[in-house]
Amino acid sequence: LSIQLGIYEPPREWDAACRQRLAGLAAFGKARFAINRTRD
């Protein structure tokens, strides 16, 4: 499996810009799964 470490900084709020950026990152990185160790 290929895996990347993502360093996460929680946004102040989940607005349209945050969602768009996350969608772009997921598409660019071809992310199929995420191991969420952020507690968020």
Full PDB file with SEQRES, HELIX, SHEET, SSBOND, CRYST1, ORIGX, SCALE, CONECT and MASTER records, all heavy atoms in Angstrom:
SEQRES   1 A   40  LEU SER ILE GLN LEU GLY ILE TYR GLU PRO PRO ARG GLU          
SEQRES   2 A   40  TRP ASP ALA ALA CYS ARG GLN ARG LEU ALA GLY LEU ALA          
SEQRES   3 A   40  ALA PHE GLY LYS ALA ARG PHE ALA ILE ASN ARG THR ARG          
SEQRES   4 A   40  ASP                                                          
HELIX    1 AA1 ALA A   16  PHE A   28  1                                  13    
CRYST1    1.000    1.000    1.000  90.00  90.00  90.00 P 1           1          
ORIGX1      1.000000  0.000000  0.000000        0.00000                         
ORIGX2      0.000000  1.000000  0.000000        0.00000                         
ORIGX3      0.000000  0.000000  1.000000        0.00000                         
SCALE1      1.000000  0.000000  0.000000        0.00000                         
SCALE2      0.000000  1.000000  0.000000        0.00000                         
SCALE3      0.000000  0.000000  1.000000        0.00000                         
ATOM      1  N   LEU A   1       0.839  -1.193   0.000  1.00  0.00           N  
ATOM      2  CA  LEU A   1       0.000   0.000   0.000  1.00  0.00           C  
ATOM      3  C   LEU A   1       0.878   1.249   0.000  1.00  0.00           C  
ATOM      4  O   LEU A   1       1.879   1.308   0.709  1.00  0.00           O  
ATOM      5  CB  LEU A   1      -0.905   0.034   1.234  1.00  0.00           C  
ATOM      6  CG  LEU A   1      -1.799  -1.170   1.486  1.00  0.00           C  
ATOM      7  CD1 LEU A   1      -2.648  -0.941   2.730  1.00  0.00           C  
ATOM      8  CD2 LEU A   1      -2.683  -1.458   0.298  1.00  0.00           C  
ATOM      9  N   SER A   2       0.515   2.230  -0.784  1.00  0.00           N  
ATOM     10  CA  SER A   2       1.203   3.522  -0.708  1.00  0.00           C  
ATOM     11  C   SER A   2       0.509   4.378   0.342  1.00  0.00           C  
ATOM     12  O   SER A   2      -0.714   4.332   0.479  1.00  0.00           O  
ATOM     13  CB  SER A   2       1.187   4.230  -2.061  1.00  0.00           C  
ATOM     14  OG  SER A   2      -0.135   4.582  -2.429  1.00  0.00           O  
ATOM     15  N   ILE A   3       1.274   5.127   1.109  1.00  0.00           N  
ATOM     16  CA  ILE A   3       0.682   5.939   2.168  1.00  0.00           C  
ATOM     17  C   ILE A   3       1.490   7.214   2.344  1.00  0.00           C  
ATOM     18  O   ILE A   3       2.718   7.213   2.179  1.00  0.00           O  
ATOM     19  CB  ILE A   3       0.608   5.142   3.497  1.00  0.00           C  
ATOM     20  CG1 ILE A   3      -0.262   5.873   4.525  1.00  0.00           C  
ATOM     21  CG2 ILE A   3       1.988   4.856   4.049  1.00  0.00           C  
ATOM     22  CD1 ILE A   3      -0.595   5.023   5.740  1.00  0.00           C  
ATOM     23  N   GLN A   4       0.807   8.293   2.642  1.00  0.00           N  
ATOM     24  CA  GLN A   4       1.437   9.569   2.933  1.00  0.00           C  
ATOM     25  C   GLN A   4       1.016  10.039   4.313  1.00  0.00           C  
ATOM     26  O   GLN A   4      -0.131   9.830   4.723  1.00  0.00           O  
ATOM     27  CB  GLN A   4       1.027  10.626   1.904  1.00  0.00           C  
ATOM     28  CG  GLN A   4       1.596  10.429   0.511  1.00  0.00           C  
ATOM     29  CD  GLN A   4       1.147  11.539  -0.414  1.00  0.00           C  
ATOM     30  OE1 GLN A   4      -0.039  11.677  -0.706  1.00  0.00           O  
ATOM     31  NE2 GLN A   4       2.083  12.350  -0.864  1.00  0.00           N  
ATOM     32  N   LEU A   5       1.961  10.669   5.005  1.00  0.00           N  
ATOM     33  CA  LEU A   5       1.668  11.286   6.299  1.00  0.00           C  
ATOM     34  C   LEU A   5       1.121  12.683   6.051  1.00  0.00           C  
ATOM     35  O   LEU A   5       1.769  13.519   5.422  1.00  0.00           O  
ATOM     36  CB  LEU A   5       2.939  11.365   7.144  1.00  0.00           C  
ATOM     37  CG  LEU A   5       2.850  12.200   8.435  1.00  0.00           C  
ATOM     38  CD1 LEU A   5       1.816  11.623   9.391  1.00  0.00           C  
ATOM     39  CD2 LEU A   5       4.220  12.297   9.099  1.00  0.00           C  
ATOM     40  N   GLY A   6      -0.087  12.934   6.534  1.00  0.00           N  
ATOM     41  CA  GLY A   6      -0.702  14.243   6.427  1.00  0.00           C  
ATOM     42  C   GLY A   6      -0.682  14.955   7.760  1.00  0.00           C  
ATOM     43  O   GLY A   6      -1.132  14.401   8.775  1.00  0.00           O  
ATOM     44  N   ILE A   7      -0.137  16.157   7.806  1.00  0.00           N  
ATOM     45  CA  ILE A   7      -0.125  16.976   9.016  1.00  0.00           C  
ATOM     46  C   ILE A   7      -1.331  17.908   8.943  1.00  0.00           C  
ATOM     47  O   ILE A   7      -1.468  18.700   8.014  1.00  0.00           O  
ATOM     48  CB  ILE A   7       1.181  17.785   9.133  1.00  0.00           C  
ATOM     49  CG1 ILE A   7       2.402  16.847   9.054  1.00  0.00           C  
ATOM     50  CG2 ILE A   7       1.184  18.582  10.428  1.00  0.00           C  
ATOM     51  CD1 ILE A   7       2.426  15.770  10.132  1.00  0.00           C  
ATOM     52  N   TYR A   8      -2.166  17.812   9.959  1.00  0.00           N  
ATOM     53  CA  TYR A   8      -3.484  18.456   9.924  1.00  0.00           C  
ATOM     54  C   TYR A   8      -3.566  19.582  10.949  1.00  0.00           C  
ATOM     55  O   TYR A   8      -3.217  19.399  12.117  1.00  0.00           O  
ATOM     56  CB  TYR A   8      -4.555  17.406  10.225  1.00  0.00           C  
ATOM     57  CG  TYR A   8      -5.959  17.930  10.390  1.00  0.00           C  
ATOM     58  CD1 TYR A   8      -6.648  18.502   9.328  1.00  0.00           C  
ATOM     59  CD2 TYR A   8      -6.606  17.837  11.628  1.00  0.00           C  
ATOM     60  CE1 TYR A   8      -7.948  18.965   9.480  1.00  0.00           C  
ATOM     61  CE2 TYR A   8      -7.903  18.291  11.785  1.00  0.00           C  
ATOM     62  CZ  TYR A   8      -8.567  18.857  10.712  1.00  0.00           C  
ATOM     63  OH  TYR A   8      -9.859  19.312  10.878  1.00  0.00           O  
ATOM     64  N   GLU A   9      -4.027  20.709  10.489  1.00  0.00           N  
ATOM     65  CA  GLU A   9      -4.332  21.830  11.372  1.00  0.00           C  
ATOM     66  C   GLU A   9      -5.823  22.125  11.251  1.00  0.00           C  
ATOM     67  O   GLU A   9      -6.288  22.526  10.172  1.00  0.00           O  
ATOM     68  CB  GLU A   9      -3.531  23.070  10.995  1.00  0.00           C  
ATOM     69  CG  GLU A   9      -3.779  24.251  11.917  1.00  0.00           C  
ATOM     70  CD  GLU A   9      -2.938  25.469  11.564  1.00  0.00           C  
ATOM     71  OE1 GLU A   9      -1.971  25.320  10.793  1.00  0.00           O  
ATOM     72  OE2 GLU A   9      -3.263  26.562  12.060  1.00  0.00           O  
ATOM     73  N   PRO A  10      -6.597  21.921  12.298  1.00  0.00           N  
ATOM     74  CA  PRO A  10      -8.056  22.113  12.199  1.00  0.00           C  
ATOM     75  C   PRO A  10      -8.406  23.532  11.776  1.00  0.00           C  
ATOM     76  O   PRO A  10      -7.852  24.500  12.306  1.00  0.00           O  
ATOM     77  CB  PRO A  10      -8.556  21.816  13.619  1.00  0.00           C  
ATOM     78  CG  PRO A  10      -7.476  21.011  14.242  1.00  0.00           C  
ATOM     79  CD  PRO A  10      -6.185  21.475  13.633  1.00  0.00           C  
ATOM     80  N   PRO A  11      -9.312  23.687  10.807  1.00  0.00           N  
ATOM     81  CA  PRO A  11      -9.740  25.028  10.414  1.00  0.00           C  
ATOM     82  C   PRO A  11     -10.647  25.633  11.471  1.00  0.00           C  
ATOM     83  O   PRO A  11     -11.231  24.916  12.292  1.00  0.00           O  
ATOM     84  CB  PRO A  11     -10.508  24.774   9.106  1.00  0.00           C  
ATOM     85  CG  PRO A  11     -11.027  23.387   9.258  1.00  0.00           C  
ATOM     86  CD  PRO A  11      -9.990  22.633  10.033  1.00  0.00           C  
ATOM     87  N   ARG A  12     -10.779  26.932  11.444  1.00  0.00           N  
ATOM     88  CA  ARG A  12     -11.694  27.586  12.382  1.00  0.00           C  
ATOM     89  C   ARG A  12     -13.127  27.142  12.135  1.00  0.00           C  
ATOM     90  O   ARG A  12     -13.918  27.008  13.071  1.00  0.00           O  
ATOM     91  CB  ARG A  12     -11.577  29.102  12.256  1.00  0.00           C  
ATOM     92  CG  ARG A  12     -10.236  29.658  12.748  1.00  0.00           C  
ATOM     93  CD  ARG A  12     -10.203  31.175  12.648  1.00  0.00           C  
ATOM     94  NE  ARG A  12      -8.931  31.700  13.120  1.00  0.00           N  
ATOM     95  CZ  ARG A  12      -8.625  32.992  13.120  1.00  0.00           C  
ATOM     96  NH1 ARG A  12      -9.497  33.899  12.676  1.00  0.00           N  
ATOM     97  NH2 ARG A  12      -7.445  33.392  13.558  1.00  0.00           N  
ATOM     98  N   GLU A  13     -13.468  26.939  10.869  1.00  0.00           N  
ATOM     99  CA  GLU A  13     -14.776  26.408  10.514  1.00  0.00           C  
ATOM    100  C   GLU A  13     -14.666  25.702   9.171  1.00  0.00           C  
ATOM    101  O   GLU A  13     -13.804  26.021   8.347  1.00  0.00           O  
ATOM    102  CB  GLU A  13     -15.826  27.523  10.438  1.00  0.00           C  
ATOM    103  CG  GLU A  13     -15.550  28.572   9.374  1.00  0.00           C  
ATOM    104  CD  GLU A  13     -16.674  29.576   9.240  1.00  0.00           C  
ATOM    105  OE1 GLU A  13     -17.830  29.162   9.426  1.00  0.00           O  
ATOM    106  OE2 GLU A  13     -16.387  30.757   8.964  1.00  0.00           O  
ATOM    107  N   TRP A  14     -15.557  24.732   8.976  1.00  0.00           N  
ATOM    108  CA  TRP A  14     -15.565  23.997   7.724  1.00  0.00           C  
ATOM    109  C   TRP A  14     -16.446  24.752   6.728  1.00  0.00           C  
ATOM    110  O   TRP A  14     -17.629  24.494   6.593  1.00  0.00           O  
ATOM    111  CB  TRP A  14     -16.064  22.572   7.943  1.00  0.00           C  
ATOM    112  CG  TRP A  14     -14.989  21.676   8.462  1.00  0.00           C  
ATOM    113  CD1 TRP A  14     -14.747  21.342   9.748  1.00  0.00           C  
ATOM    114  CD2 TRP A  14     -13.987  21.031   7.670  1.00  0.00           C  
ATOM    115  NE1 TRP A  14     -13.652  20.522   9.842  1.00  0.00           N  
ATOM    116  CE2 TRP A  14     -13.166  20.311   8.575  1.00  0.00           C  
ATOM    117  CE3 TRP A  14     -13.701  20.991   6.312  1.00  0.00           C  
ATOM    118  CZ2 TRP A  14     -12.077  19.555   8.153  1.00  0.00           C  
ATOM    119  CZ3 TRP A  14     -12.620  20.230   5.887  1.00  0.00           C  
ATOM    120  CH2 TRP A  14     -11.817  19.519   6.793  1.00  0.00           C  
ATOM    121  N   ASP A  15     -15.831  25.697   6.025  1.00  0.00           N  
ATOM    122  CA  ASP A  15     -16.570  26.475   5.038  1.00  0.00           C  
ATOM    123  C   ASP A  15     -16.325  25.891   3.644  1.00  0.00           C  
ATOM    124  O   ASP A  15     -15.616  24.886   3.466  1.00  0.00           O  
ATOM    125  CB  ASP A  15     -16.187  27.944   5.098  1.00  0.00           C  
ATOM    126  CG  ASP A  15     -14.687  28.178   4.926  1.00  0.00           C  
ATOM    127  OD1 ASP A  15     -13.974  27.264   4.449  1.00  0.00           O  
ATOM    128  OD2 ASP A  15     -14.217  29.273   5.267  1.00  0.00           O  
ATOM    129  N   ALA A  16     -16.889  26.523   2.637  1.00  0.00           N  
ATOM    130  CA  ALA A  16     -16.789  26.015   1.270  1.00  0.00           C  
ATOM    131  C   ALA A  16     -15.340  25.954   0.798  1.00  0.00           C  
ATOM    132  O   ALA A  16     -14.941  25.011   0.096  1.00  0.00           O  
ATOM    133  CB  ALA A  16     -17.623  26.888   0.333  1.00  0.00           C  
ATOM    134  N   ALA A  17     -14.530  26.943   1.187  1.00  0.00           N  
ATOM    135  CA  ALA A  17     -13.132  26.960   0.761  1.00  0.00           C  
ATOM    136  C   ALA A  17     -12.358  25.773   1.337  1.00  0.00           C  
ATOM    137  O   ALA A  17     -11.549  25.140   0.639  1.00  0.00           O  
ATOM    138  CB  ALA A  17     -12.482  28.275   1.181  1.00  0.00           C  
ATOM    139  N   CYS A  18     -12.600  25.458   2.609  1.00  0.00           N  
ATOM    140  CA  CYS A  18     -11.930  24.307   3.239  1.00  0.00           C  
ATOM    141  C   CYS A  18     -12.332  23.007   2.561  1.00  0.00           C  
ATOM    142  O   CYS A  18     -11.485  22.149   2.279  1.00  0.00           O  
ATOM    143  CB  CYS A  18     -12.282  24.248   4.721  1.00  0.00           C  
ATOM    144  SG  CYS A  18     -11.454  25.486   5.734  1.00  0.00           S  
ATOM    145  N   ARG A  19     -13.606  22.868   2.291  1.00  0.00           N  
ATOM    146  CA  ARG A  19     -14.095  21.646   1.659  1.00  0.00           C  
ATOM    147  C   ARG A  19     -13.527  21.495   0.247  1.00  0.00           C  
ATOM    148  O   ARG A  19     -13.163  20.396  -0.169  1.00  0.00           O  
ATOM    149  CB  ARG A  19     -15.624  21.643   1.637  1.00  0.00           C  
ATOM    150  CG  ARG A  19     -16.253  21.540   3.023  1.00  0.00           C  
ATOM    151  CD  ARG A  19     -17.761  21.395   2.955  1.00  0.00           C  
ATOM    152  NE  ARG A  19     -18.305  21.136   4.284  1.00  0.00           N  
ATOM    153  CZ  ARG A  19     -18.777  22.088   5.082  1.00  0.00           C  
ATOM    154  NH1 ARG A  19     -18.763  23.355   4.687  1.00  0.00           N  
ATOM    155  NH2 ARG A  19     -19.247  21.782   6.276  1.00  0.00           N  
ATOM    156  N   GLN A  20     -13.440  22.607  -0.467  1.00  0.00           N  
ATOM    157  CA  GLN A  20     -12.907  22.570  -1.833  1.00  0.00           C  
ATOM    158  C   GLN A  20     -11.430  22.179  -1.814  1.00  0.00           C  
ATOM    159  O   GLN A  20     -10.966  21.386  -2.646  1.00  0.00           O  
ATOM    160  CB  GLN A  20     -13.096  23.920  -2.512  1.00  0.00           C  
ATOM    161  CG  GLN A  20     -12.683  23.935  -3.975  1.00  0.00           C  
ATOM    162  CD  GLN A  20     -12.985  25.261  -4.643  1.00  0.00           C  
ATOM    163  OE1 GLN A  20     -13.332  26.241  -3.991  1.00  0.00           O  
ATOM    164  NE2 GLN A  20     -12.870  25.306  -5.957  1.00  0.00           N  
ATOM    165  N   ARG A  21     -10.690  22.739  -0.861  1.00  0.00           N  
ATOM    166  CA  ARG A  21      -9.266  22.404  -0.771  1.00  0.00           C  
ATOM    167  C   ARG A  21      -9.073  20.936  -0.429  1.00  0.00           C  
ATOM    168  O   ARG A  21      -8.210  20.264  -1.009  1.00  0.00           O  
ATOM    169  CB  ARG A  21      -8.584  23.287   0.267  1.00  0.00           C  
ATOM    170  CG  ARG A  21      -7.081  23.039   0.340  1.00  0.00           C  
ATOM    171  CD  ARG A  21      -6.406  23.892   1.380  1.00  0.00           C  
ATOM    172  NE  ARG A  21      -4.982  23.584   1.431  1.00  0.00           N  
ATOM    173  CZ  ARG A  21      -4.177  23.934   2.411  1.00  0.00           C  
ATOM    174  NH1 ARG A  21      -4.649  24.634   3.424  1.00  0.00           N  
ATOM    175  NH2 ARG A  21      -2.907  23.612   2.393  1.00  0.00           N  
ATOM    176  N   LEU A  22      -9.859  20.423   0.519  1.00  0.00           N  
ATOM    177  CA  LEU A  22      -9.742  19.017   0.894  1.00  0.00           C  
ATOM    178  C   LEU A  22     -10.076  18.117  -0.289  1.00  0.00           C  
ATOM    179  O   LEU A  22      -9.395  17.113  -0.539  1.00  0.00           O  
ATOM    180  CB  LEU A  22     -10.671  18.709   2.074  1.00  0.00           C  
ATOM    181  CG  LEU A  22     -10.579  17.296   2.644  1.00  0.00           C  
ATOM    182  CD1 LEU A  22      -9.194  17.041   3.237  1.00  0.00           C  
ATOM    183  CD2 LEU A  22     -11.646  17.068   3.714  1.00  0.00           C  
ATOM    184  N   ALA A  23     -11.121  18.472  -1.034  1.00  0.00           N  
ATOM    185  CA  ALA A  23     -11.500  17.687  -2.211  1.00  0.00           C  
ATOM    186  C   ALA A  23     -10.380  17.684  -3.245  1.00  0.00           C  
ATOM    187  O   ALA A  23     -10.084  16.650  -3.862  1.00  0.00           O  
ATOM    188  CB  ALA A  23     -12.794  18.236  -2.817  1.00  0.00           C  
ATOM    189  N   GLY A  24      -9.730  18.839  -3.429  1.00  0.00           N  
ATOM    190  CA  GLY A  24      -8.630  18.914  -4.375  1.00  0.00           C  
ATOM    191  C   GLY A  24      -7.450  18.061  -3.954  1.00  0.00           C  
ATOM    192  O   GLY A  24      -6.834  17.366  -4.781  1.00  0.00           O  
ATOM    193  N   LEU A  25      -7.138  18.071  -2.662  1.00  0.00           N  
ATOM    194  CA  LEU A  25      -6.040  17.248  -2.159  1.00  0.00           C  
ATOM    195  C   LEU A  25      -6.335  15.760  -2.328  1.00  0.00           C  
ATOM    196  O   LEU A  25      -5.452  14.978  -2.708  1.00  0.00           O  
ATOM    197  CB  LEU A  25      -5.792  17.565  -0.681  1.00  0.00           C  
ATOM    198  CG  LEU A  25      -5.143  18.909  -0.356  1.00  0.00           C  
ATOM    199  CD1 LEU A  25      -5.220  19.188   1.142  1.00  0.00           C  
ATOM    200  CD2 LEU A  25      -3.695  18.934  -0.829  1.00  0.00           C  
ATOM    201  N   ALA A  26      -7.572  15.368  -2.034  1.00  0.00           N  
ATOM    202  CA  ALA A  26      -7.947  13.962  -2.157  1.00  0.00           C  
ATOM    203  C   ALA A  26      -7.878  13.507  -3.608  1.00  0.00           C  
ATOM    204  O   ALA A  26      -7.422  12.392  -3.901  1.00  0.00           O  
ATOM    205  CB  ALA A  26      -9.346  13.748  -1.586  1.00  0.00           C  
ATOM    206  N   ALA A  27      -8.329  14.365  -4.513  1.00  0.00           N  
ATOM    207  CA  ALA A  27      -8.302  14.005  -5.930  1.00  0.00           C  
ATOM    208  C   ALA A  27      -6.873  13.947  -6.460  1.00  0.00           C  
ATOM    209  O   ALA A  27      -6.490  13.012  -7.173  1.00  0.00           O  
ATOM    210  CB  ALA A  27      -9.130  15.007  -6.735  1.00  0.00           C  
ATOM    211  N   PHE A  28      -6.058  14.941  -6.092  1.00  0.00           N  
ATOM    212  CA  PHE A  28      -4.676  14.994  -6.568  1.00  0.00           C  
ATOM    213  C   PHE A  28      -3.874  13.807  -6.045  1.00  0.00           C  
ATOM    214  O   PHE A  28      -3.071  13.213  -6.762  1.00  0.00           O  
ATOM    215  CB  PHE A  28      -4.022  16.309  -6.137  1.00  0.00           C  
ATOM    216  CG  PHE A  28      -2.597  16.437  -6.563  1.00  0.00           C  
ATOM    217  CD1 PHE A  28      -2.275  16.763  -7.874  1.00  0.00           C  
ATOM    218  CD2 PHE A  28      -1.557  16.235  -5.654  1.00  0.00           C  
ATOM    219  CE1 PHE A  28      -0.948  16.877  -8.274  1.00  0.00           C  
ATOM    220  CE2 PHE A  28      -0.230  16.345  -6.051  1.00  0.00           C  
ATOM    221  CZ  PHE A  28       0.070  16.670  -7.366  1.00  0.00           C  
ATOM    222  N   GLY A  29      -4.089  13.476  -4.770  1.00  0.00           N  
ATOM    223  CA  GLY A  29      -3.349  12.371  -4.161  1.00  0.00           C  
ATOM    224  C   GLY A  29      -3.961  11.018  -4.403  1.00  0.00           C  
ATOM    225  O   GLY A  29      -3.428  10.002  -3.962  1.00  0.00           O  
ATOM    226  N   LYS A  30      -5.104  10.988  -5.105  1.00  0.00           N  
ATOM    227  CA  LYS A  30      -5.821   9.731  -5.382  1.00  0.00           C  
ATOM    228  C   LYS A  30      -6.054   8.949  -4.090  1.00  0.00           C  
ATOM    229  O   LYS A  30      -5.858   7.728  -4.033  1.00  0.00           O  
ATOM    230  CB  LYS A  30      -5.053   8.884  -6.401  1.00  0.00           C  
ATOM    231  CG  LYS A  30      -4.867   9.567  -7.753  1.00  0.00           C  
ATOM    232  CD  LYS A  30      -4.078   8.700  -8.724  1.00  0.00           C  
ATOM    233  CE  LYS A  30      -3.879   9.417 -10.053  1.00  0.00           C  
ATOM    234  NZ  LYS A  30      -3.083   8.615 -11.010  1.00  0.00           N  
ATOM    235  N   ALA A  31      -6.470   9.684  -3.064  1.00  0.00           N  
ATOM    236  CA  ALA A  31      -6.662   9.059  -1.751  1.00  0.00           C  
ATOM    237  C   ALA A  31      -7.889   8.153  -1.767  1.00  0.00           C  
ATOM    238  O   ALA A  31      -9.000   8.613  -2.006  1.00  0.00           O  
ATOM    239  CB  ALA A  31      -6.813  10.124  -0.681  1.00  0.00           C  
ATOM    240  N   ARG A  32      -7.680   6.883  -1.500  1.00  0.00           N  
ATOM    241  CA  ARG A  32      -8.782   5.930  -1.403  1.00  0.00           C  
ATOM    242  C   ARG A  32      -9.134   5.633   0.053  1.00  0.00           C  
ATOM    243  O   ARG A  32     -10.255   5.260   0.359  1.00  0.00           O  
ATOM    244  CB  ARG A  32      -8.435   4.641  -2.138  1.00  0.00           C  
ATOM    245  CG  ARG A  32      -8.359   4.795  -3.654  1.00  0.00           C  
ATOM    246  CD  ARG A  32      -8.123   3.460  -4.313  1.00  0.00           C  
ATOM    247  NE  ARG A  32      -9.134   2.493  -3.927  1.00  0.00           N  
ATOM    248  CZ  ARG A  32      -8.985   1.165  -4.051  1.00  0.00           C  
ATOM    249  NH1 ARG A  32      -7.849   0.670  -4.524  1.00  0.00           N  
ATOM    250  NH2 ARG A  32      -9.953   0.339  -3.687  1.00  0.00           N  
ATOM    251  N   PHE A  33      -8.138   5.760   0.938  1.00  0.00           N  
ATOM    252  CA  PHE A  33      -8.424   5.543   2.354  1.00  0.00           C  
ATOM    253  C   PHE A  33      -7.624   6.526   3.186  1.00  0.00           C  
ATOM    254  O   PHE A  33      -6.618   7.083   2.735  1.00  0.00           O  
ATOM    255  CB  PHE A  33      -8.127   4.092   2.777  1.00  0.00           C  
ATOM    256  CG  PHE A  33      -6.660   3.753   2.865  1.00  0.00           C  
ATOM    257  CD1 PHE A  33      -5.958   3.874   4.062  1.00  0.00           C  
ATOM    258  CD2 PHE A  33      -5.971   3.290   1.748  1.00  0.00           C  
ATOM    259  CE1 PHE A  33      -4.614   3.545   4.152  1.00  0.00           C  
ATOM    260  CE2 PHE A  33      -4.626   2.956   1.823  1.00  0.00           C  
ATOM    261  CZ  PHE A  33      -3.942   3.085   3.025  1.00  0.00           C  
ATOM    262  N   ALA A  34      -8.088   6.765   4.412  1.00  0.00           N  
ATOM    263  CA  ALA A  34      -7.398   7.645   5.347  1.00  0.00           C  
ATOM    264  C   ALA A  34      -7.458   7.039   6.733  1.00  0.00           C  
ATOM    265  O   ALA A  34      -8.529   6.606   7.182  1.00  0.00           O  
ATOM    266  CB  ALA A  34      -8.023   9.036   5.349  1.00  0.00           C  
ATOM    267  N   ILE A  35      -6.315   6.974   7.393  1.00  0.00           N  
ATOM    268  CA  ILE A  35      -6.242   6.545   8.791  1.00  0.00           C  
ATOM    269  C   ILE A  35      -6.245   7.826   9.616  1.00  0.00           C  
ATOM    270  O   ILE A  35      -5.247   8.558   9.644  1.00  0.00           O  
ATOM    271  CB  ILE A  35      -4.984   5.704   9.056  1.00  0.00           C  
ATOM    272  CG1 ILE A  35      -4.973   4.475   8.147  1.00  0.00           C  
ATOM    273  CG2 ILE A  35      -4.921   5.287  10.526  1.00  0.00           C  
ATOM    274  CD1 ILE A  35      -3.654   3.722   8.153  1.00  0.00           C  
ATOM    275  N   ASN A  36      -7.352   8.103  10.249  1.00  0.00           N  
ATOM    276  CA  ASN A  36      -7.534   9.377  10.945  1.00  0.00           C  
ATOM    277  C   ASN A  36      -7.050   9.259  12.387  1.00  0.00           C  
ATOM    278  O   ASN A  36      -7.715   8.671  13.230  1.00  0.00           O  
ATOM    279  CB  ASN A  36      -9.013   9.784  10.909  1.00  0.00           C  
ATOM    280  CG  ASN A  36      -9.266  11.117  11.588  1.00  0.00           C  
ATOM    281  OD1 ASN A  36      -8.356  11.936  11.733  1.00  0.00           O  
ATOM    282  ND2 ASN A  36     -10.494  11.354  12.017  1.00  0.00           N  
ATOM    283  N   ARG A  37      -5.887   9.836  12.674  1.00  0.00           N  
ATOM    284  CA  ARG A  37      -5.329   9.829  14.031  1.00  0.00           C  
ATOM    285  C   ARG A  37      -5.338  11.244  14.610  1.00  0.00           C  
ATOM    286  O   ARG A  37      -4.506  11.585  15.448  1.00  0.00           O  
ATOM    287  CB  ARG A  37      -3.890   9.288  14.007  1.00  0.00           C  
ATOM    288  CG  ARG A  37      -3.735   7.895  13.418  1.00  0.00           C  
ATOM    289  CD  ARG A  37      -4.126   6.802  14.352  1.00  0.00           C  
ATOM    290  NE  ARG A  37      -3.244   6.708  15.505  1.00  0.00           N  
ATOM    291  CZ  ARG A  37      -3.438   5.854  16.518  1.00  0.00           C  
ATOM    292  NH1 ARG A  37      -4.478   5.049  16.523  1.00  0.00           N  
ATOM    293  NH2 ARG A  37      -2.591   5.825  17.537  1.00  0.00           N  
ATOM    294  N   THR A  38      -6.306  12.051  14.183  1.00  0.00           N  
ATOM    295  CA  THR A  38      -6.367  13.446  14.616  1.00  0.00           C  
ATOM    296  C   THR A  38      -7.368  13.686  15.734  1.00  0.00           C  
ATOM    297  O   THR A  38      -7.395  14.773  16.310  1.00  0.00           O  
ATOM    298  CB  THR A  38      -6.774  14.353  13.449  1.00  0.00           C  
ATOM    299  OG1 THR A  38      -8.152  14.118  13.109  1.00  0.00           O  
ATOM    300  CG2 THR A  38      -5.891  14.124  12.228  1.00  0.00           C  
ATOM    301  N   ARG A  39      -8.234  12.716  16.012  1.00  0.00           N  
ATOM    302  CA  ARG A  39      -9.339  12.845  16.960  1.00  0.00           C  
ATOM    303  C   ARG A  39     -10.430  13.801  16.472  1.00  0.00           C  
ATOM    304  O   ARG A  39     -11.332  14.132  17.234  1.00  0.00           O  
ATOM    305  CB  ARG A  39      -8.862  13.289  18.352  1.00  0.00           C  
ATOM    306  CG  ARG A  39      -7.943  12.291  19.046  1.00  0.00           C  
ATOM    307  CD  ARG A  39      -7.812  12.613  20.533  1.00  0.00           C  
ATOM    308  NE  ARG A  39      -7.076  11.571  21.221  1.00  0.00           N  
ATOM    309  CZ  ARG A  39      -5.819  11.690  21.637  1.00  0.00           C  
ATOM    310  NH1 ARG A  39      -5.180  12.828  21.416  1.00  0.00           N  
ATOM    311  NH2 ARG A  39      -5.207  10.706  22.247  1.00  0.00           N  
ATOM    312  N   ASP A  40     -10.381  14.245  15.241  1.00  0.00           N  
ATOM    313  CA  ASP A  40     -11.336  15.218  14.709  1.00  0.00           C  
ATOM    314  C   ASP A  40     -12.379  14.483  13.860  1.00  0.00           C  
ATOM    315  O   ASP A  40     -12.092  14.084  12.730  1.00  0.00           O  
ATOM    316  CB  ASP A  40     -10.616  16.264  13.877  1.00  0.00           C  
ATOM    317  CG  ASP A  40     -11.513  17.436  13.495  1.00  0.00           C  
ATOM    318  OD1 ASP A  40     -12.746  17.262  13.459  1.00  0.00           O  
ATOM    319  OD2 ASP A  40     -10.976  18.532  13.225  1.00  0.00           O  
TER     320      ASP A  40                                                      
MASTER        0    0    0    1    0    0    0    6  319    1    0    4          
END                                                                             
